[in-house]
Amino acid sequence: MKPLSPRGLGAAPTGRTARAAAVGRRLTLLLAVAVVLVPGCGKKGPPLPPIVKLPAPPDPFLARRLGAVVWLQVRIPAANADKTTPADLERVDVYALTGPAADAEAIVKSGARVASIPIRKPAEEAGESRPKGGRDLVPPAERPAPPPRPAASMENGFDQGDTVVVTEPLGPEQFREVVPKMPPTKKPAPPSTWEFARWSPPMPSPPLPLPVRMYVAVGINHKGQKGAVSTRQAVVLAPPASAPPAPTITYTEKAFSVAWTPPADAHPPAPSGDLLEARPIGSRQVVGAYNVYEVPPPASGAGGAGAPAPPAPGGRMPTPVNTKPLGGPPLVDERMEFGAPRCYVVRAVTRYGTEPVESEASPVTCVTPVDTFPPSAPTSLRAVAGEHVVSLIWDANREADLAGYLVLRSELPDGALVPLTPEPITDTTFNDTTVKSGVRYAYVVVAVDTSKNRSAPSNRVEEAGR
């Protein structure tokens, strides 16, 4: 009788059987994990934060002080910081701070808001161009034109991309210094004994810093969040010179000439011809100059002196007629236009080192130029006699306002000059067909402009009829 094998008696499985059992246990474990995880499939995770659109910085941003008013020119951004358009923009705020140099963020945090420029929605967002909930079946050519938008203003708002000018008057509050809050810093270590003992030659004290008022602009989106801040602009609060008296204006047929008397407290101009102006170390050179501005006629009417019109929000930054400050009078303005009033004011410029401060404007002087200037006399008049005709030819005039020419003739020896052309002719040739055979004639030509000014007569020529 054969002995029973251990396998037949329920002994431990062999190696192959053990491996199969291990694989079965793993499959069972994976199935259990899958059962646990299956109910979580398709379940939403935590909500993502909304995408925030911040407007780009309102640059270029400019500031200029003219007398007791600071003019601020802002370019309204038309895009967000991430370059997407249109900008999420509700308004642009302008901040100012008087005091030590501070970065742009400190000016916004510690300064005063001096202007808030409202921004309206773009035209395509302001009205519904397509019906809600479906397609627009009306062809674009047949759609009614949208109503015209009201003019941009502080009441109606401005458009993205506009250039807007606002002003801030300077008073006691603007001259009061504000020190922005700064994070604490470690106190520097005292110098060593050797550094105290080291000798150095005496040097003049550096000039005291000029009081400065700094400005920045920042866009605000519809959630009240601030975008990137513009570049800083600073104006000096040092005293300006007095306003010059009213200028005097003369003109020729080609240009205006504006002259003025310098005020008594004006500084002398910089030395002419100095490429690098020398100044003592530690001092600040103060020099004078002048700017001339064209302005609208005052409310009292053109032709007299008065105060310039007050600035209107949304306009343009005042720009002088001269391209760079003038050392003194006169200013020559070649933008001549007869019959149109032209008004000027002058401001004295005091330059503290590199920082300019302009005075109040002089009284306005206006003039309406009248064309009383005759054209030049025609030249090179020549005459050629033919059968019952005398032909004339001359060189053309170059005046822009030339209306034409008058041809005059006299019978010799002592006849008076009488016009052969009752109205000016534009040709530079003329055929006199009214001559008599054997009679000698003298001819001249006169130029006439559109204001009916007559030139001196041309050279005289004589010829006899055939």
Protein backbone atom coordinates (compact mmCIF):
# COMPACT_ATOMS: atom_id res chain seq x y z
CA MET A 1 0.00 0.00 0.00
CA LYS A 2 1.42 3.34 -1.09
CA PRO A 3 1.79 6.00 1.55
CA LEU A 4 -0.39 9.01 1.15
CA SER A 5 1.41 12.11 -0.14
CA PRO A 6 1.46 15.25 1.97
CA ARG A 7 -0.52 17.03 -0.79
CA GLY A 8 -3.28 14.56 -0.55
CA LEU A 9 -3.49 15.10 3.19
CA GLY A 10 -4.02 18.95 2.79
CA ALA A 11 -0.40 19.86 3.33
CA ALA A 12 1.02 23.30 2.32
CA PRO A 13 0.75 24.07 -1.42
CA THR A 14 3.69 23.77 -3.71
CA GLY A 15 5.59 26.83 -5.15
CA ARG A 16 3.37 27.13 -8.25
CA THR A 17 0.22 26.99 -6.14
CA ALA A 18 1.56 29.69 -3.79
CA ARG A 19 2.27 32.05 -6.64
CA ALA A 20 -1.22 31.62 -8.03
CA ALA A 21 -2.70 32.41 -4.63
CA ALA A 22 -0.61 35.60 -4.35
CA VAL A 23 -1.80 36.78 -7.76
CA GLY A 24 -5.38 36.18 -6.71
CA ARG A 25 -4.94 38.22 -3.57
CA ARG A 26 -3.50 41.16 -5.57
CA LEU A 27 -6.42 41.13 -7.99
CA THR A 28 -8.82 41.12 -5.08
CA LEU A 29 -7.03 44.15 -3.54
CA LEU A 30 -7.08 46.11 -6.83
CA LEU A 31 -10.77 45.36 -7.27
CA ALA A 32 -11.48 46.66 -3.79
CA VAL A 33 -9.55 49.88 -4.48
CA ALA A 34 -11.42 50.38 -7.75
CA VAL A 35 -14.73 49.93 -5.99
CA VAL A 36 -13.72 52.63 -3.53
CA LEU A 37 -12.55 55.06 -6.20
CA VAL A 38 -15.35 54.59 -8.75
CA PRO A 39 -17.92 56.71 -6.83
CA GLY A 40 -15.46 59.68 -6.98
CA CYS A 41 -15.24 59.71 -10.78
CA GLY A 42 -16.71 62.92 -12.30
CA LYS A 43 -16.75 64.78 -9.01
CA LYS A 44 -15.81 68.49 -9.43
CA GLY A 45 -12.78 69.82 -7.58
CA PRO A 46 -12.58 73.12 -5.69
CA PRO A 47 -13.58 76.19 -7.82
CA LEU A 48 -10.75 78.07 -9.51
CA PRO A 49 -10.32 81.77 -8.72
CA PRO A 50 -11.70 84.13 -11.42
CA ILE A 51 -9.27 85.67 -13.89
CA VAL A 52 -8.54 89.25 -12.80
CA LYS A 53 -7.88 91.84 -15.53
CA LEU A 54 -5.82 94.83 -14.37
CA PRO A 55 -5.40 97.86 -16.67
CA ALA A 56 -2.01 98.74 -18.09
CA PRO A 57 -0.22 101.83 -16.71
CA PRO A 58 -1.58 105.16 -18.06
CA ASP A 59 1.58 106.19 -19.89
CA PRO A 60 2.80 108.54 -21.25
CA PHE A 61 2.02 110.69 -18.23
CA LEU A 62 3.29 114.30 -18.14
CA ALA A 63 3.26 117.13 -15.58
CA ARG A 64 4.15 120.79 -16.11
CA ARG A 65 3.95 123.71 -13.72
CA LEU A 66 2.77 126.99 -15.23
CA GLY A 67 2.62 129.64 -12.53
CA ALA A 68 0.34 128.45 -9.71
CA VAL A 69 -1.24 125.62 -11.75
CA VAL A 70 0.13 122.16 -12.51
CA TRP A 71 -1.06 120.69 -15.82
CA LEU A 72 -1.29 116.89 -15.94
CA GLN A 73 -1.62 115.03 -19.24
CA VAL A 74 -2.77 111.39 -19.08
CA ARG A 75 -3.04 108.83 -21.87
CA ILE A 76 -5.95 106.53 -21.04
CA PRO A 77 -4.83 102.87 -21.43
CA ALA A 78 -6.66 100.86 -24.08
CA ALA A 79 -5.42 97.44 -22.94
CA ASN A 80 -4.89 95.40 -19.81
CA ALA A 81 -1.52 94.54 -18.31
CA ASP A 82 -1.63 91.18 -20.14
CA LYS A 83 -2.13 92.98 -23.53
CA THR A 84 -5.79 91.94 -23.84
CA THR A 85 -8.29 94.52 -25.13
CA PRO A 86 -10.42 96.38 -24.32
CA ALA A 87 -9.12 97.37 -20.90
CA ASP A 88 -11.21 96.62 -17.81
CA LEU A 89 -11.20 100.25 -16.77
CA GLU A 90 -13.67 102.33 -14.78
CA ARG A 91 -11.57 105.41 -14.04
CA VAL A 92 -8.02 106.77 -13.87
CA ASP A 93 -6.94 108.40 -10.59
CA VAL A 94 -4.11 110.92 -10.28
CA TYR A 95 -2.21 111.14 -7.00
CA ALA A 96 0.27 113.73 -5.74
CA LEU A 97 2.68 113.95 -2.83
CA THR A 98 4.94 116.79 -1.71
CA GLY A 99 8.07 115.71 0.09
CA PRO A 100 11.15 113.50 -0.19
CA ALA A 101 11.56 111.32 -3.23
CA ALA A 102 9.24 108.34 -3.00
CA ASP A 103 8.46 105.47 -5.34
CA ALA A 104 5.22 105.37 -7.29
CA GLU A 105 3.46 102.99 -4.90
CA ALA A 106 4.28 105.23 -1.92
CA ILE A 107 2.78 108.23 -3.74
CA VAL A 108 -0.47 106.31 -4.27
CA LYS A 109 -0.50 105.06 -0.67
CA SER A 110 0.49 108.25 1.16
CA GLY A 111 -0.39 110.99 -1.35
CA ALA A 112 -3.62 112.83 -2.09
CA ARG A 113 -5.93 112.03 -4.99
CA VAL A 114 -6.06 115.21 -7.04
CA ALA A 115 -8.19 114.03 -9.98
CA SER A 116 -10.42 111.12 -10.97
CA ILE A 117 -11.07 110.71 -14.71
CA PRO A 118 -14.19 108.67 -15.55
CA ILE A 119 -13.91 106.16 -18.39
CA ARG A 120 -16.97 105.03 -20.33
CA LYS A 121 -17.47 101.63 -21.91
CA PRO A 122 -16.25 101.11 -25.49
CA ALA A 123 -18.87 101.81 -28.16
CA GLU A 124 -19.33 98.12 -28.98
CA GLU A 125 -20.05 97.34 -25.30
CA ALA A 126 -22.22 100.37 -24.57
CA GLY A 127 -25.16 99.14 -26.72
CA GLU A 128 -26.57 95.82 -27.90
CA SER A 129 -25.65 95.35 -31.54
CA ARG A 130 -27.08 91.77 -31.67
CA PRO A 131 -30.28 90.41 -30.15
CA LYS A 132 -29.88 88.27 -27.05
CA GLY A 133 -30.46 84.54 -27.34
CA GLY A 134 -30.20 84.14 -31.10
CA ARG A 135 -28.62 85.10 -34.40
CA ASP A 136 -28.91 88.52 -35.95
CA LEU A 137 -30.58 87.93 -39.30
CA VAL A 138 -30.31 91.56 -40.41
CA PRO A 139 -27.33 92.09 -42.75
CA PRO A 140 -24.76 94.61 -41.45
CA ALA A 141 -25.50 96.99 -44.34
CA GLU A 142 -29.18 97.16 -43.35
CA ARG A 143 -28.71 97.64 -39.63
CA PRO A 144 -29.63 101.10 -38.32
CA ALA A 145 -26.72 103.35 -37.47
CA PRO A 146 -26.06 103.59 -33.72
CA PRO A 147 -26.90 106.93 -32.10
CA PRO A 148 -23.95 109.34 -31.88
CA ARG A 149 -22.04 109.22 -28.62
CA PRO A 150 -22.02 112.38 -26.52
CA ALA A 151 -18.83 114.40 -26.51
CA ALA A 152 -16.16 113.09 -24.15
CA SER A 153 -16.04 115.10 -20.93
CA MET A 154 -15.72 114.73 -17.18
CA GLU A 155 -19.52 114.33 -17.08
CA ASN A 156 -19.88 111.88 -20.00
CA GLY A 157 -16.58 110.07 -19.45
CA PHE A 158 -13.63 109.60 -21.78
CA ASP A 159 -12.76 106.78 -24.18
CA GLN A 160 -9.90 104.34 -23.94
CA GLY A 161 -6.92 105.71 -25.87
CA ASP A 162 -7.91 109.36 -25.29
CA THR A 163 -5.40 111.92 -24.07
CA VAL A 164 -6.87 113.89 -21.17
CA VAL A 165 -5.52 116.96 -19.39
CA VAL A 166 -6.50 117.90 -15.83
CA THR A 167 -5.07 120.62 -13.60
CA GLU A 168 -4.25 121.13 -9.93
CA PRO A 169 -4.00 124.64 -8.44
CA LEU A 170 -1.09 125.08 -6.05
CA GLY A 171 -2.04 126.42 -2.62
CA PRO A 172 -0.81 126.08 0.95
CA GLU A 173 -2.03 122.48 1.14
CA GLN A 174 0.04 121.47 -1.90
CA PHE A 175 3.20 123.02 -0.41
CA ARG A 176 2.84 121.09 2.87
CA GLU A 177 5.38 118.28 3.02
CA VAL A 178 4.21 114.71 3.60
CA VAL A 179 6.69 112.04 4.66
CA PRO A 180 5.53 108.63 3.40
CA LYS A 181 5.66 105.72 5.83
CA MET A 182 8.77 103.67 5.23
CA PRO A 183 9.72 100.26 6.67
CA PRO A 184 12.21 100.46 9.56
CA THR A 185 15.84 100.09 8.65
CA LYS A 186 18.89 99.27 10.66
CA LYS A 187 20.88 102.21 11.94
CA PRO A 188 24.34 102.34 10.29
CA ALA A 189 27.33 101.56 12.46
CA PRO A 190 29.36 104.59 13.64
CA PRO A 191 32.65 105.22 11.81
CA SER A 192 35.88 104.00 13.35
CA THR A 193 38.26 106.21 15.32
CA TRP A 194 40.67 106.26 12.39
CA GLU A 195 37.91 107.58 10.09
CA PHE A 196 37.22 110.40 12.56
CA ALA A 197 40.88 111.35 12.60
CA ARG A 198 41.40 111.23 8.85
CA TRP A 199 41.75 114.72 7.40
CA SER A 200 39.90 115.81 4.26
CA PRO A 201 39.97 119.22 2.55
CA PRO A 202 36.99 121.47 3.24
CA MET A 203 34.27 121.28 0.58
CA PRO A 204 31.35 123.66 0.01
CA SER A 205 28.04 122.43 1.29
CA PRO A 206 25.76 120.89 -1.36
CA PRO A 207 22.68 122.91 -2.24
CA LEU A 208 19.60 122.23 -0.20
CA PRO A 209 17.09 120.06 -2.08
CA LEU A 210 14.32 121.98 -3.79
CA PRO A 211 10.77 121.30 -2.62
CA VAL A 212 9.19 118.93 -5.13
CA ARG A 213 5.64 117.70 -5.73
CA MET A 214 5.43 114.31 -7.41
CA TYR A 215 2.53 112.92 -9.46
CA VAL A 216 1.47 109.48 -10.70
CA ALA A 217 -1.62 108.07 -12.41
CA VAL A 218 -3.19 104.64 -11.99
CA GLY A 219 -6.12 102.87 -13.65
CA ILE A 220 -8.93 101.32 -11.57
CA ASN A 221 -10.96 98.39 -12.94
CA HIS A 222 -14.68 97.75 -12.37
CA LYS A 223 -13.92 95.75 -9.22
CA GLY A 224 -12.07 98.68 -7.65
CA GLN A 225 -8.64 97.07 -8.12
CA LYS A 226 -5.63 99.20 -9.01
CA GLY A 227 -3.59 98.46 -12.10
CA ALA A 228 0.05 99.27 -12.75
CA VAL A 229 1.15 102.78 -11.77
CA SER A 230 2.45 105.27 -14.35
CA THR A 231 5.90 106.79 -14.37
CA ARG A 232 6.55 109.51 -11.78
CA GLN A 233 6.48 113.16 -12.76
CA ALA A 234 7.86 115.92 -10.54
CA VAL A 235 7.41 119.69 -10.51
CA VAL A 236 9.56 122.08 -8.48
CA LEU A 237 7.80 124.29 -5.93
CA ALA A 238 10.54 126.95 -5.94
CA PRO A 239 9.42 130.56 -6.48
CA PRO A 240 9.01 131.73 -10.11
CA ALA A 241 9.82 135.14 -11.53
CA SER A 242 7.13 137.76 -11.97
CA ALA A 243 4.95 137.69 -15.06
CA PRO A 244 6.21 139.86 -17.93
CA PRO A 245 4.09 142.81 -19.06
CA ALA A 246 1.87 142.46 -22.11
CA PRO A 247 3.93 141.80 -25.25
CA THR A 248 3.89 143.94 -28.36
CA ILE A 249 3.18 142.36 -31.74
CA THR A 250 4.24 143.52 -35.18
CA TYR A 251 4.09 141.66 -38.46
CA THR A 252 5.29 141.58 -42.03
CA GLU A 253 3.78 139.73 -44.94
CA LYS A 254 5.71 136.61 -43.85
CA ALA A 255 5.87 136.50 -40.03
CA PHE A 256 4.79 137.88 -36.66
CA SER A 257 7.30 139.37 -34.25
CA VAL A 258 6.52 139.17 -30.51
CA ALA A 259 8.56 141.40 -28.17
CA TRP A 260 8.35 141.93 -24.41
CA THR A 261 10.08 143.65 -21.50
CA PRO A 262 11.77 141.25 -19.04
CA PRO A 263 10.43 141.52 -15.46
CA ALA A 264 12.72 143.14 -12.89
CA ASP A 265 13.27 139.92 -10.91
CA ALA A 266 14.04 137.72 -13.93
CA HIS A 267 17.40 135.94 -13.87
CA PRO A 268 19.85 136.53 -16.72
CA PRO A 269 19.98 133.89 -19.46
CA ALA A 270 22.63 131.22 -19.64
CA PRO A 271 25.91 132.25 -21.29
CA SER A 272 25.60 131.76 -25.03
CA GLY A 273 27.96 129.31 -26.67
CA ASP A 274 28.66 127.28 -23.52
CA LEU A 275 28.09 123.64 -24.34
CA LEU A 276 28.79 122.68 -20.74
CA GLU A 277 27.76 125.47 -18.40
CA ALA A 278 30.35 125.79 -15.65
CA ARG A 279 29.17 126.24 -12.09
CA PRO A 280 30.94 126.01 -8.74
CA ILE A 281 30.91 122.63 -7.03
CA GLY A 282 28.13 122.37 -4.50
CA SER A 283 26.08 125.25 -5.94
CA ARG A 284 23.01 125.28 -8.16
CA GLN A 285 23.09 127.61 -11.14
CA VAL A 286 19.93 129.66 -11.63
CA VAL A 287 19.32 131.09 -15.11
CA GLY A 288 16.38 132.74 -16.82
CA ALA A 289 14.60 132.26 -20.12
CA TYR A 290 11.17 132.82 -21.72
CA ASN A 291 8.41 130.83 -23.39
CA VAL A 292 5.82 132.35 -25.73
CA TYR A 293 2.39 130.73 -26.08
CA GLU A 294 -0.39 131.23 -28.58
CA VAL A 295 -3.73 131.43 -26.74
CA PRO A 296 -7.38 131.91 -27.72
CA PRO A 297 -8.69 135.48 -27.64
CA PRO A 298 -9.79 136.55 -24.14
CA ALA A 299 -13.46 136.75 -23.28
CA SER A 300 -13.41 140.53 -23.76
CA GLY A 301 -12.66 140.02 -27.46
CA ALA A 302 -9.61 140.10 -29.68
CA GLY A 303 -7.41 143.12 -30.06
CA GLY A 304 -6.83 143.98 -26.41
CA ALA A 305 -5.08 142.79 -23.30
CA GLY A 306 -6.68 140.56 -20.73
CA ALA A 307 -6.38 137.29 -18.85
CA PRO A 308 -6.15 134.03 -20.81
CA ALA A 309 -9.12 131.71 -20.76
CA PRO A 310 -9.17 129.25 -17.82
CA PRO A 311 -8.08 125.67 -18.58
CA ALA A 312 -10.80 123.19 -19.50
CA PRO A 313 -10.49 119.50 -18.47
CA GLY A 314 -9.82 117.17 -21.35
CA GLY A 315 -7.86 119.66 -23.47
CA ARG A 316 -4.21 119.59 -24.44
CA MET A 317 -1.07 120.44 -22.56
CA PRO A 318 -0.02 124.05 -23.34
CA THR A 319 2.94 124.02 -25.71
CA PRO A 320 5.08 127.09 -26.41
CA VAL A 321 5.47 128.39 -29.93
CA ASN A 322 9.26 128.35 -29.52
CA THR A 323 10.90 124.92 -29.68
CA LYS A 324 13.30 125.72 -26.82
CA PRO A 325 13.36 128.49 -24.15
CA LEU A 326 14.41 131.91 -25.46
CA GLY A 327 17.12 134.01 -23.86
CA GLY A 328 15.12 137.18 -24.60
CA PRO A 329 12.90 138.90 -27.16
CA PRO A 330 11.81 138.76 -29.90
CA LEU A 331 10.03 135.60 -31.01
CA VAL A 332 9.52 135.28 -34.78
CA ASP A 333 6.46 133.23 -35.71
CA GLU A 334 6.32 132.43 -39.42
CA ARG A 335 2.82 130.91 -39.29
CA MET A 336 1.31 133.91 -41.07
CA GLU A 337 -2.42 133.98 -41.87
CA PHE A 338 -4.05 137.28 -42.83
CA GLY A 339 -7.49 138.09 -41.48
CA ALA A 340 -7.35 135.66 -38.51
CA PRO A 341 -6.75 137.03 -34.98
CA ARG A 342 -3.52 135.90 -33.33
CA CYS A 343 -3.03 136.18 -29.53
CA TYR A 344 0.13 135.63 -27.48
CA VAL A 345 1.25 135.50 -23.84
CA VAL A 346 4.78 135.31 -22.45
CA ARG A 347 6.01 133.41 -19.38
CA ALA A 348 9.36 133.91 -17.65
CA VAL A 349 11.23 130.65 -17.04
CA THR A 350 13.52 130.26 -14.02
CA ARG A 351 15.74 127.20 -14.27
CA TYR A 352 17.11 125.88 -10.99
CA GLY A 353 19.87 123.63 -12.26
CA THR A 354 17.92 121.44 -14.65
CA GLU A 355 14.46 122.05 -13.14
CA PRO A 356 12.36 124.77 -14.87
CA VAL A 357 9.70 126.86 -13.12
CA GLU A 358 7.49 129.09 -15.28
CA SER A 359 5.87 132.31 -14.13
CA GLU A 360 2.27 133.36 -14.50
CA ALA A 361 1.32 134.39 -18.01
CA SER A 362 1.59 137.96 -19.16
CA PRO A 363 -1.59 139.74 -20.20
CA VAL A 364 -2.83 138.67 -23.62
CA THR A 365 -2.05 140.75 -26.68
CA CYS A 366 -3.97 140.08 -29.90
CA VAL A 367 -3.64 141.38 -33.42
CA THR A 368 -5.55 140.64 -36.63
CA PRO A 369 -3.10 141.00 -39.52
CA VAL A 370 -4.30 142.80 -42.64
CA ASP A 371 -2.65 142.21 -45.99
CA THR A 372 -1.42 145.63 -47.10
CA PHE A 373 1.71 144.23 -48.73
CA PRO A 374 1.75 144.51 -52.56
CA PRO A 375 3.36 141.82 -54.68
CA SER A 376 6.68 142.45 -56.33
CA ALA A 377 6.80 144.14 -59.73
CA PRO A 378 6.81 141.82 -62.76
CA THR A 379 10.17 141.51 -64.46
CA SER A 380 11.67 141.01 -67.93
CA LEU A 381 8.79 142.53 -69.90
CA ARG A 382 9.45 142.22 -73.65
CA ALA A 383 7.47 143.42 -76.72
CA VAL A 384 7.45 142.10 -80.30
CA ALA A 385 5.57 143.91 -83.10
CA GLY A 386 3.64 141.99 -85.72
CA GLU A 387 1.05 142.70 -88.40
CA HIS A 388 -1.60 144.77 -86.53
CA VAL A 389 -0.46 143.31 -83.18
CA VAL A 390 2.11 143.88 -80.44
CA SER A 391 2.86 140.74 -78.40
CA LEU A 392 4.00 141.08 -74.77
CA ILE A 393 5.67 138.47 -72.53
CA TRP A 394 7.11 138.67 -68.98
CA ASP A 395 8.33 136.47 -66.12
CA ALA A 396 5.80 135.05 -63.65
CA ASN A 397 5.58 136.26 -60.05
CA ARG A 398 6.02 133.80 -57.16
CA GLU A 399 3.56 135.15 -54.56
CA ALA A 400 1.12 132.57 -53.19
CA ASP A 401 -1.74 135.09 -53.08
CA LEU A 402 -1.23 136.40 -56.60
CA ALA A 403 -4.52 137.14 -58.40
CA GLY A 404 -3.05 138.11 -61.81
CA TYR A 405 -1.68 140.97 -63.92
CA LEU A 406 -2.90 144.24 -65.40
CA VAL A 407 -1.46 145.40 -68.75
CA LEU A 408 -1.25 149.19 -69.25
CA ARG A 409 -0.48 151.14 -72.45
CA SER A 410 0.13 154.73 -73.43
CA GLU A 411 0.47 156.43 -76.83
CA LEU A 412 3.74 158.23 -77.23
CA PRO A 413 5.01 160.81 -76.91
CA ASP A 414 2.94 161.95 -73.92
CA GLY A 415 -0.11 159.75 -73.52
CA ALA A 416 -1.21 158.53 -70.07
CA LEU A 417 -1.05 154.86 -69.13
CA VAL A 418 -4.47 153.22 -69.35
CA PRO A 419 -5.29 149.56 -68.63
CA LEU A 420 -5.88 147.24 -71.56
CA THR A 421 -7.19 144.47 -69.22
CA PRO A 422 -10.07 145.61 -66.98
CA GLU A 423 -9.57 142.55 -64.74
CA PRO A 424 -6.35 140.76 -63.82
CA ILE A 425 -5.24 138.05 -66.24
CA THR A 426 -3.38 134.94 -65.07
CA ASP A 427 -1.28 134.41 -68.24
CA THR A 428 2.18 135.94 -68.59
CA THR A 429 1.56 136.84 -72.24
CA PHE A 430 -0.75 139.38 -73.90
CA ASN A 431 -1.49 140.32 -77.51
CA ASP A 432 -2.49 143.95 -78.13
CA THR A 433 -4.61 143.81 -81.29
CA THR A 434 -5.87 147.39 -81.05
CA VAL A 435 -2.66 149.06 -82.25
CA LYS A 436 -2.64 151.57 -85.10
CA SER A 437 -0.12 151.33 -87.87
CA GLY A 438 2.74 153.77 -87.44
CA VAL A 439 1.83 154.75 -83.86
CA ARG A 440 4.40 154.12 -81.17
CA TYR A 441 3.24 152.72 -77.81
CA ALA A 442 4.70 152.22 -74.30
CA TYR A 443 3.72 149.21 -72.15
CA VAL A 444 4.05 148.22 -68.47
CA VAL A 445 2.58 145.31 -66.43
CA VAL A 446 1.35 145.48 -62.81
CA ALA A 447 0.84 142.45 -60.49
CA VAL A 448 -2.30 142.28 -58.29
CA ASP A 449 -2.84 140.00 -55.24
CA THR A 450 -6.07 138.62 -53.80
CA SER A 451 -6.34 141.57 -51.41
CA LYS A 452 -6.26 143.90 -54.47
CA ASN A 453 -2.82 145.26 -53.58
CA ARG A 454 -1.00 146.45 -56.70
CA SER A 455 2.70 146.16 -57.31
CA ALA A 456 4.98 148.78 -58.76
CA PRO A 457 5.01 148.76 -62.57
CA SER A 458 7.34 146.46 -64.46
CA ASN A 459 10.11 147.69 -66.74
CA ARG A 460 8.80 149.90 -69.57
CA VAL A 461 8.95 148.75 -73.19
CA GLU A 462 8.09 150.62 -76.42
CA GLU A 463 7.00 149.30 -79.78
CA ALA A 464 5.26 150.71 -82.93
CA GLY A 465 2.26 149.21 -84.64
CA ARG A 466 2.52 147.90 -88.20
